[in-house]
PDB file of N, CA and C in Angstrom:
ATOM      1  N   MET A   1      17.659   7.580   5.828  1.00  0.00           N
ATOM      2  CA  MET A   1      18.230   8.318   4.705  1.00  0.00           C
ATOM      3  C   MET A   1      17.796   9.926   5.352  1.00  0.00           C
ATOM      4  N   THR A   2      18.722  10.721   5.046  1.00  0.00           N
ATOM      5  CA  THR A   2      18.583  11.978   5.763  1.00  0.00           C
ATOM      6  C   THR A   2      18.027  13.001   4.583  1.00  0.00           C
ATOM      7  N   ARG A   3      17.789  13.922   4.770  1.00  0.00           N
ATOM      8  CA  ARG A   3      17.304  14.756   3.851  1.00  0.00           C
ATOM      9  C   ARG A   3      18.690  15.369   2.994  1.00  0.00           C
ATOM     10  N   ALA A   4      19.636  15.390   3.696  1.00  0.00           N
ATOM     11  CA  ALA A   4      21.072  15.766   2.884  1.00  0.00           C
ATOM     12  C   ALA A   4      21.383  14.603   1.956  1.00  0.00           C
ATOM     13  N   GLU A   5      20.865  13.089   2.353  1.00  0.00           N
ATOM     14  CA  GLU A   5      21.632  12.126   1.608  1.00  0.00           C
ATOM     15  C   GLU A   5      20.469  11.969   0.644  1.00  0.00           C
ATOM     16  N   VAL A   6      19.317  12.307   0.480  1.00  0.00           N
ATOM     17  CA  VAL A   6      18.510  12.480  -0.680  1.00  0.00           C
ATOM     18  C   VAL A   6      18.874  13.306  -1.419  1.00  0.00           C
ATOM     19  N   LEU A   7      19.405  14.338  -1.293  1.00  0.00           N
ATOM     20  CA  LEU A   7      19.940  15.740  -2.073  1.00  0.00           C
ATOM     21  C   LEU A   7      21.155  15.182  -2.667  1.00  0.00           C
ATOM     22  N   THR A   8      22.037  14.475  -2.245  1.00  0.00           N
ATOM     23  CA  THR A   8      23.369  14.219  -2.586  1.00  0.00           C
ATOM     24  C   THR A   8      22.751  13.175  -3.738  1.00  0.00           C
ATOM     25  N   MET A   9      21.941  11.933  -3.401  1.00  0.00           N
ATOM     26  CA  MET A   9      21.741  10.926  -4.356  1.00  0.00           C
ATOM     27  C   MET A   9      21.174  11.870  -5.557  1.00  0.00           C
ATOM     28  N   LEU A  10      20.011  12.251  -5.350  1.00  0.00           N
ATOM     29  CA  LEU A  10      19.584  13.293  -6.539  1.00  0.00           C
ATOM     30  C   LEU A  10      20.440  14.120  -7.481  1.00  0.00           C
ATOM     31  N   GLU A  11      21.219  14.526  -6.572  1.00  0.00           N
ATOM     32  CA  GLU A  11      22.422  15.537  -7.523  1.00  0.00           C
ATOM     33  C   GLU A  11      23.305  14.976  -8.394  1.00  0.00           C
ATOM     34  N   GLY A  12      23.439  13.330  -8.172  1.00  0.00           N
ATOM     35  CA  GLY A  12      24.095  12.389  -9.026  1.00  0.00           C
ATOM     36  C   GLY A  12      23.788  12.434 -10.227  1.00  0.00           C
ATOM     37  N   SER A  13      22.823  12.729 -10.365  1.00  0.00           N
ATOM     38  CA  SER A  13      22.051  12.785 -11.708  1.00  0.00           C
ATOM     39  C   SER A  13      22.604  13.779 -12.601  1.00  0.00           C
ATOM     40  N   GLY A  14      23.034  14.523 -11.963  1.00  0.00           N
ATOM     41  CA  GLY A  14      23.767  15.854 -13.092  1.00  0.00           C
ATOM     42  C   GLY A  14      22.793  17.104 -12.535  1.00  0.00           C
ATOM     43  N   CYS A  15      21.825  16.875 -12.313  1.00  0.00           N
ATOM     44  CA  CYS A  15      20.649  17.967 -12.385  1.00  0.00           C
ATOM     45  C   CYS A  15      20.757  18.642 -10.880  1.00  0.00           C
ATOM     46  N   SER A  16      20.457  20.007 -11.120  1.00  0.00           N
ATOM     47  CA  SER A  16      20.267  20.789  -9.773  1.00  0.00           C
ATOM     48  C   SER A  16      19.034  20.303  -9.127  1.00  0.00           C
ATOM     49  N   ALA A  17      19.142  20.341  -7.697  1.00  0.00           N
ATOM     50  CA  ALA A  17      18.387  19.715  -6.751  1.00  0.00           C
ATOM     51  C   ALA A  17      17.919  20.279  -5.532  1.00  0.00           C
ATOM     52  N   ALA A  18      16.567  20.633  -5.089  1.00  0.00           N
ATOM     53  CA  ALA A  18      16.445  21.154  -3.922  1.00  0.00           C
ATOM     54  C   ALA A  18      15.310  20.693  -3.186  1.00  0.00           C
ATOM     55  N   TYR A  19      15.289  21.220  -1.857  1.00  0.00           N
ATOM     56  CA  TYR A  19      14.062  20.772  -1.155  1.00  0.00           C
ATOM     57  C   TYR A  19      12.725  21.852  -1.163  1.00  0.00           C
ATOM     58  N   TYR A  20      11.732  21.288  -1.926  1.00  0.00           N
ATOM     59  CA  TYR A  20      10.553  21.672  -2.342  1.00  0.00           C
ATOM     60  C   TYR A  20      10.495  22.744  -3.568  1.00  0.00           C
ATOM     61  N   SER A  21      11.409  23.570  -3.116  1.00  0.00           N
ATOM     62  CA  SER A  21      11.509  24.608  -4.430  1.00  0.00           C
ATOM     63  C   SER A  21      12.862  25.378  -4.367  1.00  0.00           C
ATOM     64  N   PHE A  22      13.157  26.040  -5.470  1.00  0.00           N
ATOM     65  CA  PHE A  22      14.619  26.681  -5.667  1.00  0.00           C
ATOM     66  C   PHE A  22      14.199  28.466  -5.241  1.00  0.00           C
ATOM     67  N   PRO A  23      14.875  28.845  -4.824  1.00  0.00           N
ATOM     68  CA  PRO A  23      14.623  30.606  -4.364  1.00  0.00           C
ATOM     69  C   PRO A  23      14.060  31.245  -5.629  1.00  0.00           C
ATOM     70  N   GLU A  24      13.405  32.130  -5.524  1.00  0.00           N
ATOM     71  CA  GLU A  24      12.981  33.025  -6.662  1.00  0.00           C
ATOM     72  C   GLU A  24      14.083  33.573  -7.180  1.00  0.00           C
ATOM     73  N   ASN A  25      14.020  33.862  -8.620  1.00  0.00           N
ATOM     74  CA  ASN A  25      15.010  34.362  -9.302  1.00  0.00           C
ATOM     75  C   ASN A  25      16.188  33.903  -9.143  1.00  0.00           C
ATOM     76  N   SER A  26      16.236  32.223  -8.729  1.00  0.00           N
ATOM     77  CA  SER A  26      17.815  31.790  -8.620  1.00  0.00           C
ATOM     78  C   SER A  26      18.377  31.249  -9.926  1.00  0.00           C
ATOM     79  N   GLY A  27      17.556  31.634 -11.183  1.00  0.00           N
ATOM     80  CA  GLY A  27      18.646  31.272 -12.367  1.00  0.00           C
ATOM     81  C   GLY A  27      18.249  29.652 -12.769  1.00  0.00           C
ATOM     82  N   VAL A  28      17.929  28.909 -11.916  1.00  0.00           N
ATOM     83  CA  VAL A  28      18.051  27.404 -12.177  1.00  0.00           C
ATOM     84  C   VAL A  28      17.345  27.093 -13.572  1.00  0.00           C
ATOM     85  N   GLN A  29      18.116  26.351 -14.527  1.00  0.00           N
ATOM     86  CA  GLN A  29      17.399  26.180 -15.800  1.00  0.00           C
ATOM     87  C   GLN A  29      17.027  24.537 -15.827  1.00  0.00           C
ATOM     88  N   PRO A  30      16.073  24.050 -16.657  1.00  0.00           N
ATOM     89  CA  PRO A  30      15.794  22.435 -16.748  1.00  0.00           C
ATOM     90  C   PRO A  30      17.129  21.913 -17.507  1.00  0.00           C
ATOM     91  N   PRO A  31      17.382  20.627 -17.032  1.00  0.00           N
ATOM     92  CA  PRO A  31      16.512  19.787 -16.095  1.00  0.00           C
ATOM     93  C   PRO A  31      16.915  20.210 -14.814  1.00  0.00           C
ATOM     94  N   PHE A  32      15.875  19.952 -14.037  1.00  0.00           N
ATOM     95  CA  PHE A  32      16.021  20.480 -12.391  1.00  0.00           C
ATOM     96  C   PHE A  32      14.945  19.635 -11.686  1.00  0.00           C
ATOM     97  N   ILE A  33      15.635  19.341 -10.317  1.00  0.00           N
ATOM     98  CA  ILE A  33      14.752  18.319  -9.559  1.00  0.00           C
ATOM     99  C   ILE A  33      14.206  19.089  -8.335  1.00  0.00           C
ATOM    100  N   CYS A  34      12.815  18.746  -7.954  1.00  0.00           N
ATOM    101  CA  CYS A  34      12.501  19.446  -6.692  1.00  0.00           C
ATOM    102  C   CYS A  34      12.001  18.113  -5.919  1.00  0.00           C
ATOM    103  N   PHE A  35      12.209  17.925  -4.752  1.00  0.00           N
ATOM    104  CA  PHE A  35      11.696  16.783  -3.645  1.00  0.00           C
ATOM    105  C   PHE A  35      11.286  17.351  -2.527  1.00  0.00           C
ATOM    106  N   TYR A  36       9.979  16.581  -2.044  1.00  0.00           N
ATOM    107  CA  TYR A  36       9.521  17.004  -0.582  1.00  0.00           C
ATOM    108  C   TYR A  36       8.841  15.403   0.027  1.00  0.00           C
ATOM    109  N   TYR A  37       8.934  15.587   1.314  1.00  0.00           N
ATOM    110  CA  TYR A  37       8.361  14.685   1.699  1.00  0.00           C
ATOM    111  C   TYR A  37       6.767  14.672   1.845  1.00  0.00           C
ATOM    112  N   GLY A  38       6.030  13.452   2.245  1.00  0.00           N
ATOM    113  CA  GLY A  38       4.584  13.451   2.163  1.00  0.00           C
ATOM    114  C   GLY A  38       4.076  13.515   3.838  1.00  0.00           C
ATOM    115  N   HIS A  39       3.080  13.056   3.608  1.00  0.00           N
ATOM    116  CA  HIS A  39       2.378  12.956   5.144  1.00  0.00           C
ATOM    117  C   HIS A  39       3.538  11.745   5.823  1.00  0.00           C
ATOM    118  N   GLY A  40       3.430  12.347   7.123  1.00  0.00           N
ATOM    119  CA  GLY A  40       4.432  11.525   8.153  1.00  0.00           C
ATOM    120  C   GLY A  40       4.650   9.945   8.357  1.00  0.00           C
ATOM    121  N   PRO A  41       5.479   9.296   9.285  1.00  0.00           N
ATOM    122  CA  PRO A  41       5.651   8.601   9.297  1.00  0.00           C
ATOM    123  C   PRO A  41       4.283   7.396   9.993  1.00  0.00           C
ATOM    124  N   MET A  42       4.683   6.218   9.653  1.00  0.00           N
ATOM    125  CA  MET A  42       3.444   4.755   9.902  1.00  0.00           C
ATOM    126  C   MET A  42       3.135   5.073  11.491  1.00  0.00           C
ATOM    127  N   LEU A  43       2.050   5.149  12.174  1.00  0.00           N
ATOM    128  CA  LEU A  43       1.903   5.117  13.632  1.00  0.00           C
ATOM    129  C   LEU A  43       1.122   3.919  13.733  1.00  0.00           C
ATOM    130  N   ALA A  44       1.346   3.290  15.332  1.00  0.00           N
ATOM    131  CA  ALA A  44       0.524   2.394  15.413  1.00  0.00           C
ATOM    132  C   ALA A  44       0.582   2.595  16.980  1.00  0.00           C
ATOM    133  N   ASP A  45      -0.611   1.922  17.306  1.00  0.00           N
ATOM    134  CA  ASP A  45      -0.940   2.090  19.078  1.00  0.00           C
ATOM    135  C   ASP A  45      -0.101   3.321  19.553  1.00  0.00           C
ATOM    136  N   ASN A  46      -0.620   4.110  19.483  1.00  0.00           N
ATOM    137  CA  ASN A  46      -0.269   5.551  19.558  1.00  0.00           C
ATOM    138  C   ASN A  46       1.000   5.967  19.730  1.00  0.00           C
ATOM    139  N   THR A  47       1.995   5.291  18.801  1.00  0.00           N
ATOM    140  CA  THR A  47       3.316   5.573  18.954  1.00  0.00           C
ATOM    141  C   THR A  47       3.835   5.666  17.581  1.00  0.00           C
ATOM    142  N   MET A  48       4.971   6.323  17.022  1.00  0.00           N
ATOM    143  CA  MET A  48       5.617   6.083  16.001  1.00  0.00           C
ATOM    144  C   MET A  48       6.247   4.653  15.828  1.00  0.00           C
ATOM    145  N   TYR A  49       5.460   4.055  14.859  1.00  0.00           N
ATOM    146  CA  TYR A  49       5.960   2.810  14.586  1.00  0.00           C
ATOM    147  C   TYR A  49       7.212   2.511  13.722  1.00  0.00           C
ATOM    148  N   VAL A  50       7.260   3.429  12.664  1.00  0.00           N
ATOM    149  CA  VAL A  50       8.239   3.378  11.741  1.00  0.00           C
ATOM    150  C   VAL A  50       8.599   4.436  11.351  1.00  0.00           C
ATOM    151  N   GLY A  51       9.717   5.002  11.077  1.00  0.00           N
ATOM    152  CA  GLY A  51       9.927   6.267  10.064  1.00  0.00           C
ATOM    153  C   GLY A  51       9.961   6.305   8.879  1.00  0.00           C
ATOM    154  N   ILE A  52       8.936   5.495   8.100  1.00  0.00           N
ATOM    155  CA  ILE A  52       8.758   5.228   6.674  1.00  0.00           C
ATOM    156  C   ILE A  52       8.202   6.497   6.265  1.00  0.00           C
ATOM    157  N   THR A  53       8.443   7.247   5.265  1.00  0.00           N
ATOM    158  CA  THR A  53       7.856   8.764   5.047  1.00  0.00           C
ATOM    159  C   THR A  53       7.933   8.094   3.354  1.00  0.00           C
ATOM    160  N   PRO A  54       6.609   8.961   2.876  1.00  0.00           N
ATOM    161  CA  PRO A  54       6.642   9.040   1.468  1.00  0.00           C
ATOM    162  C   PRO A  54       7.439  10.255   1.129  1.00  0.00           C
ATOM    163  N   LEU A  55       8.267  10.161  -0.140  1.00  0.00           N
ATOM    164  CA  LEU A  55       8.894  11.101  -0.731  1.00  0.00           C
ATOM    165  C   LEU A  55       8.850  11.007  -2.008  1.00  0.00           C
ATOM    166  N   THR A  56       8.632  12.414  -2.455  1.00  0.00           N
ATOM    167  CA  THR A  56       8.196  12.415  -3.581  1.00  0.00           C
ATOM    168  C   THR A  56       9.695  13.521  -4.436  1.00  0.00           C
ATOM    169  N   VAL A  57       9.925  13.263  -6.018  1.00  0.00           N
ATOM    170  CA  VAL A  57      10.564  13.565  -6.321  1.00  0.00           C
ATOM    171  C   VAL A  57      10.153  13.935  -7.635  1.00  0.00           C
ATOM    172  N   GLU A  58      10.337  15.297  -8.338  1.00  0.00           N
ATOM    173  CA  GLU A  58       9.895  15.910  -9.388  1.00  0.00           C
ATOM    174  C   GLU A  58      10.773  16.345 -10.422  1.00  0.00           C
ATOM    175  N   LEU A  59      11.171  15.709 -11.500  1.00  0.00           N
ATOM    176  CA  LEU A  59      11.917  16.112 -12.544  1.00  0.00           C
ATOM    177  C   LEU A  59      11.130  16.942 -13.402  1.00  0.00           C
ATOM    178  N   TYR A  60      12.011  18.126 -13.880  1.00  0.00           N
ATOM    179  CA  TYR A  60      11.280  19.019 -14.639  1.00  0.00           C
ATOM    180  C   TYR A  60      12.195  19.439 -16.119  1.00  0.00           C
ATOM    181  N   THR A  61      11.768  19.106 -17.275  1.00  0.00           N
ATOM    182  CA  THR A  61      12.632  19.300 -18.265  1.00  0.00           C
ATOM    183  C   THR A  61      11.744  19.931 -19.394  1.00  0.00           C
ATOM    184  N   GLU A  62      12.596  20.671 -20.138  1.00  0.00           N
ATOM    185  CA  GLU A  62      11.943  21.229 -21.607  1.00  0.00           C
ATOM    186  C   GLU A  62      11.268  20.555 -22.675  1.00  0.00           C
ATOM    187  N   GLN A  63      12.337  19.341 -22.751  1.00  0.00           N
ATOM    188  CA  GLN A  63      11.777  18.347 -23.934  1.00  0.00           C
ATOM    189  C   GLN A  63      12.022  16.797 -22.836  1.00  0.00           C
ATOM    190  N   LYS A  64      11.225  16.202 -23.645  1.00  0.00           N
ATOM    191  CA  LYS A  64      10.965  14.709 -22.993  1.00  0.00           C
ATOM    192  C   LYS A  64      12.832  14.307 -22.875  1.00  0.00           C
ATOM    193  N   ASP A  65      13.272  13.737 -21.913  1.00  0.00           N
ATOM    194  CA  ASP A  65      14.296  13.479 -21.690  1.00  0.00           C
ATOM    195  C   ASP A  65      14.554  12.305 -21.061  1.00  0.00           C
ATOM    196  N   PHE A  66      14.968  11.212 -22.078  1.00  0.00           N
ATOM    197  CA  PHE A  66      14.488   9.592 -21.591  1.00  0.00           C
ATOM    198  C   PHE A  66      15.987   9.288 -21.116  1.00  0.00           C
ATOM    199  N   THR A  67      17.051  10.229 -21.387  1.00  0.00           N
ATOM    200  CA  THR A  67      18.618   9.810 -20.945  1.00  0.00           C
ATOM    201  C   THR A  67      18.694  10.387 -19.385  1.00  0.00           C
ATOM    202  N   THR A  68      18.188  11.400 -19.029  1.00  0.00           N
ATOM    203  CA  THR A  68      17.989  11.942 -17.550  1.00  0.00           C
ATOM    204  C   THR A  68      16.972  11.036 -16.804  1.00  0.00           C
ATOM    205  N   GLU A  69      16.115  10.788 -17.183  1.00  0.00           N
ATOM    206  CA  GLU A  69      15.099   9.795 -16.360  1.00  0.00           C
ATOM    207  C   GLU A  69      15.636   8.427 -16.161  1.00  0.00           C
ATOM    208  N   ALA A  70      16.497   7.805 -16.971  1.00  0.00           N
ATOM    209  CA  ALA A  70      17.068   6.426 -17.054  1.00  0.00           C
ATOM    210  C   ALA A  70      18.294   6.915 -15.837  1.00  0.00           C
ATOM    211  N   THR A  71      18.898   7.877 -15.889  1.00  0.00           N
ATOM    212  CA  THR A  71      20.028   7.923 -14.939  1.00  0.00           C
ATOM    213  C   THR A  71      19.312   8.083 -13.316  1.00  0.00           C
ATOM    214  N   LEU A  72      18.033   8.804 -13.210  1.00  0.00           N
ATOM    215  CA  LEU A  72      17.557   8.965 -12.083  1.00  0.00           C
ATOM    216  C   LEU A  72      17.095   7.654 -11.624  1.00  0.00           C
ATOM    217  N   GLU A  73      16.441   7.165 -12.512  1.00  0.00           N
ATOM    218  CA  GLU A  73      15.871   5.715 -11.990  1.00  0.00           C
ATOM    219  C   GLU A  73      16.999   4.455 -11.868  1.00  0.00           C
ATOM    220  N   GLY A  74      18.166   4.844 -12.467  1.00  0.00           N
ATOM    221  CA  GLY A  74      19.505   4.173 -11.934  1.00  0.00           C
ATOM    222  C   GLY A  74      19.861   4.007 -10.925  1.00  0.00           C
ATOM    223  N   ILE A  75      19.756   5.483 -10.259  1.00  0.00           N
ATOM    224  CA  ILE A  75      20.060   5.963  -8.904  1.00  0.00           C
ATOM    225  C   ILE A  75      18.989   5.050  -8.020  1.00  0.00           C
ATOM    226  N   PHE A  76      17.945   5.774  -8.263  1.00  0.00           N
ATOM    227  CA  PHE A  76      17.121   4.675  -7.267  1.00  0.00           C
ATOM    228  C   PHE A  76      17.295   3.129  -7.229  1.00  0.00           C
ATOM    229  N   ALA A  77      17.520   2.735  -8.237  1.00  0.00           N
ATOM    230  CA  ALA A  77      17.759   1.334  -8.294  1.00  0.00           C
ATOM    231  C   ALA A  77      19.197   0.986  -7.312  1.00  0.00           C
ATOM    232  N   ASP A  78      20.026   1.567  -7.717  1.00  0.00           N
ATOM    233  CA  ASP A  78      21.622   1.446  -6.851  1.00  0.00           C
ATOM    234  C   ASP A  78      21.250   1.648  -5.435  1.00  0.00           C
ATOM    235  N   ASN A  79      20.116   2.436  -5.140  1.00  0.00           N
ATOM    236  CA  ASN A  79      19.681   2.847  -3.697  1.00  0.00           C
ATOM    237  C   ASN A  79      18.625   2.168  -2.960  1.00  0.00           C
ATOM    238  N   GLY A  80      18.441   1.100  -3.906  1.00  0.00           N
ATOM    239  CA  GLY A  80      17.195  -0.108  -3.645  1.00  0.00           C
ATOM    240  C   GLY A  80      15.787   0.385  -3.140  1.00  0.00           C
ATOM    241  N   ILE A  81      15.760   1.489  -3.743  1.00  0.00           N
ATOM    242  CA  ILE A  81      14.528   2.115  -4.002  1.00  0.00           C
ATOM    243  C   ILE A  81      13.525   1.773  -5.174  1.00  0.00           C
ATOM    244  N   ILE A  82      11.976   1.596  -4.470  1.00  0.00           N
ATOM    245  CA  ILE A  82      11.191   1.079  -5.573  1.00  0.00           C
ATOM    246  C   ILE A  82      10.332   2.324  -5.683  1.00  0.00           C
ATOM    247  N   PHE A  83       9.748   2.747  -6.811  1.00  0.00           N
ATOM    248  CA  PHE A  83       9.000   3.921  -7.244  1.00  0.00           C
ATOM    249  C   PHE A  83       7.840   3.739  -7.896  1.00  0.00           C
ATOM    250  N   ASP A  84       7.170   4.321  -8.006  1.00  0.00           N
ATOM    251  CA  ASP A  84       5.913   4.961  -8.851  1.00  0.00           C
ATOM    252  C   ASP A  84       6.344   6.005  -9.751  1.00  0.00           C
ATOM    253  N   LYS A  85       5.433   5.886 -10.998  1.00  0.00           N
ATOM    254  CA  LYS A  85       6.476   6.825 -11.952  1.00  0.00           C
ATOM    255  C   LYS A  85       5.101   7.634 -12.983  1.00  0.00           C
ATOM    256  N   ASP A  86       4.883   8.927 -12.877  1.00  0.00           N
ATOM    257  CA  ASP A  86       3.973   9.637 -13.563  1.00  0.00           C
ATOM    258  C   ASP A  86       4.568  10.822 -14.134  1.00  0.00           C
ATOM    259  N   GLU A  87       3.400  11.182 -15.245  1.00  0.00           N
ATOM    260  CA  GLU A  87       4.229  12.169 -16.036  1.00  0.00           C
ATOM    261  C   GLU A  87       3.041  13.111 -16.724  1.00  0.00           C
ATOM    262  N   THR A  88       3.786  14.433 -16.738  1.00  0.00           N
ATOM    263  CA  THR A  88       2.548  15.358 -17.444  1.00  0.00           C
ATOM    264  C   THR A  88       3.303  16.397 -18.042  1.00  0.00           C
ATOM    265  N   TYR A  89       2.598  17.394 -18.749  1.00  0.00           N
ATOM    266  CA  TYR A  89       3.162  18.349 -19.534  1.00  0.00           C
ATOM    267  C   TYR A  89       2.195  19.739 -18.923  1.00  0.00           C
ATOM    268  N   ILE A  90       3.269  20.676 -18.253  1.00  0.00           N
ATOM    269  CA  ILE A  90       2.662  21.760 -18.113  1.00  0.00           C
ATOM    270  C   ILE A  90       2.691  22.895 -19.047  1.00  0.00           C
ATOM    271  N   GLU A  91       1.773  23.298 -19.574  1.00  0.00           N
ATOM    272  CA  GLU A  91       1.618  23.896 -20.803  1.00  0.00           C
ATOM    273  C   GLU A  91       1.965  25.452 -20.406  1.00  0.00           C
ATOM    274  N   SER A  92       1.662  25.955 -19.596  1.00  0.00           N
ATOM    275  CA  SER A  92       1.966  27.502 -19.130  1.00  0.00           C
ATOM    276  C   SER A  92       3.388  27.685 -18.987  1.00  0.00           C
ATOM    277  N   GLU A  93       4.356  26.655 -18.585  1.00  0.00           N
ATOM    278  CA  GLU A  93       5.736  26.421 -18.463  1.00  0.00           C
ATOM    279  C   GLU A  93       6.342  26.005 -19.495  1.00  0.00           C
ATOM    280  N   ASN A  94       5.851  25.197 -20.289  1.00  0.00           N
ATOM    281  CA  ASN A  94       6.378  24.362 -21.777  1.00  0.00           C
ATOM    282  C   ASN A  94       7.336  23.549 -21.014  1.00  0.00           C
ATOM    283  N   MET A  95       7.171  22.534 -20.230  1.00  0.00           N
ATOM    284  CA  MET A  95       7.886  21.594 -19.643  1.00  0.00           C
ATOM    285  C   MET A  95       7.442  20.535 -19.180  1.00  0.00           C
ATOM    286  N   PHE A  96       8.125  19.374 -19.206  1.00  0.00           N
ATOM    287  CA  PHE A  96       7.406  18.026 -18.906  1.00  0.00           C
ATOM    288  C   PHE A  96       7.723  18.109 -17.130  1.00  0.00           C
ATOM    289  N   GLU A  97       6.882  17.439 -16.643  1.00  0.00           N
ATOM    290  CA  GLU A  97       7.361  16.956 -15.245  1.00  0.00           C
ATOM    291  C   GLU A  97       7.001  15.281 -14.969  1.00  0.00           C
ATOM    292  N   ILE A  98       8.104  14.948 -14.458  1.00  0.00           N
ATOM    293  CA  ILE A  98       7.989  13.496 -14.236  1.00  0.00           C
ATOM    294  C   ILE A  98       8.178  13.376 -12.632  1.00  0.00           C
ATOM    295  N   ILE A  99       6.967  12.726 -12.301  1.00  0.00           N
ATOM    296  CA  ILE A  99       6.721  12.781 -10.728  1.00  0.00           C
ATOM    297  C   ILE A  99       7.116  11.171 -10.141  1.00  0.00           C
ATOM    298  N   TYR A 100       8.088  11.101  -9.424  1.00  0.00           N
ATOM    299  CA  TYR A 100       8.026   9.829  -8.842  1.00  0.00           C
ATOM    300  C   TYR A 100       7.868   9.806  -7.721  1.00  0.00           C
ATOM    301  N   THR A 101       7.198   8.523  -7.324  1.00  0.00           N
ATOM    302  CA  THR A 101       6.583   8.171  -5.549  1.00  0.00           C
ATOM    303  C   THR A 101       7.489   7.305  -4.941  1.00  0.00           C
ATOM    304  N   MET A 102       7.841   7.731  -3.795  1.00  0.00           N
ATOM    305  CA  MET A 102       8.332   6.407  -3.196  1.00  0.00           C
ATOM    306  C   MET A 102       8.522   6.323  -1.783  1.00  0.00           C
ATOM    307  N   GLU A 103       9.003   5.497  -1.247  1.00  0.00           N
ATOM    308  CA  GLU A 103       9.138   5.769   0.529  1.00  0.00           C
ATOM    309  C   GLU A 103      10.109   5.490   0.780  1.00  0.00           C
ATOM    310  N   VAL A 104      10.374   6.224   1.979  1.00  0.00           N
ATOM    311  CA  VAL A 104      11.946   6.161   2.522  1.00  0.00           C
ATOM    312  C   VAL A 104      11.952   6.057   3.966  1.00  0.00           C
ATOM    313  N   LEU A 105      13.243   5.472   4.470  1.00  0.00           N
ATOM    314  CA  LEU A 105      13.263   5.309   5.861  1.00  0.00           C
ATOM    315  C   LEU A 105      13.786   6.988   6.470  1.00  0.00           C
ATOM    316  N   ILE A 106      13.450   7.449   6.973  1.00  0.00           N
ATOM    317  CA  ILE A 106      13.862   8.832   7.586  1.00  0.00           C
ATOM    318  C   ILE A 106      14.572   8.666   9.133  1.00  0.00           C
ATOM    319  N   ASN A 107      16.036   8.943   8.910  1.00  0.00           N
ATOM    320  CA  ASN A 107      16.945   8.904  10.209  1.00  0.00           C
ATOM    321  C   ASN A 107      17.430  10.219  10.633  1.00  0.00           C
ATOM    322  N   GLU A 108      16.677  11.541  10.199  1.00  0.00           N
ATOM    323  CA  GLU A 108      17.096  12.600  10.806  1.00  0.00           C
ATOM    324  C   GLU A 108      16.866  12.802  12.057  1.00  0.00           C
TER     325      GLU A 108
END
């Protein structure tokens, strides 16, 4: 899955999405999504064994948004992606952050 494919998949939720962050003063309003890759691919015997890479998807909303979460989780299911989910409230921003972690096969 390429970064462009991940972006297209996430935009299917109806939310604006960007790799890592949006440009400062971009005017993007919640709900929005940021995504990024974690530590590199699985290695074995001094070579890249397989291009499986951790992917983190962060959904930001002003209020708890079960509908958007369900839409995003449906998109993951439709793409055969198994995920873990965590949630936090960012008091300084008055926003909920839903954090999805998963692994994807990178082919860029």
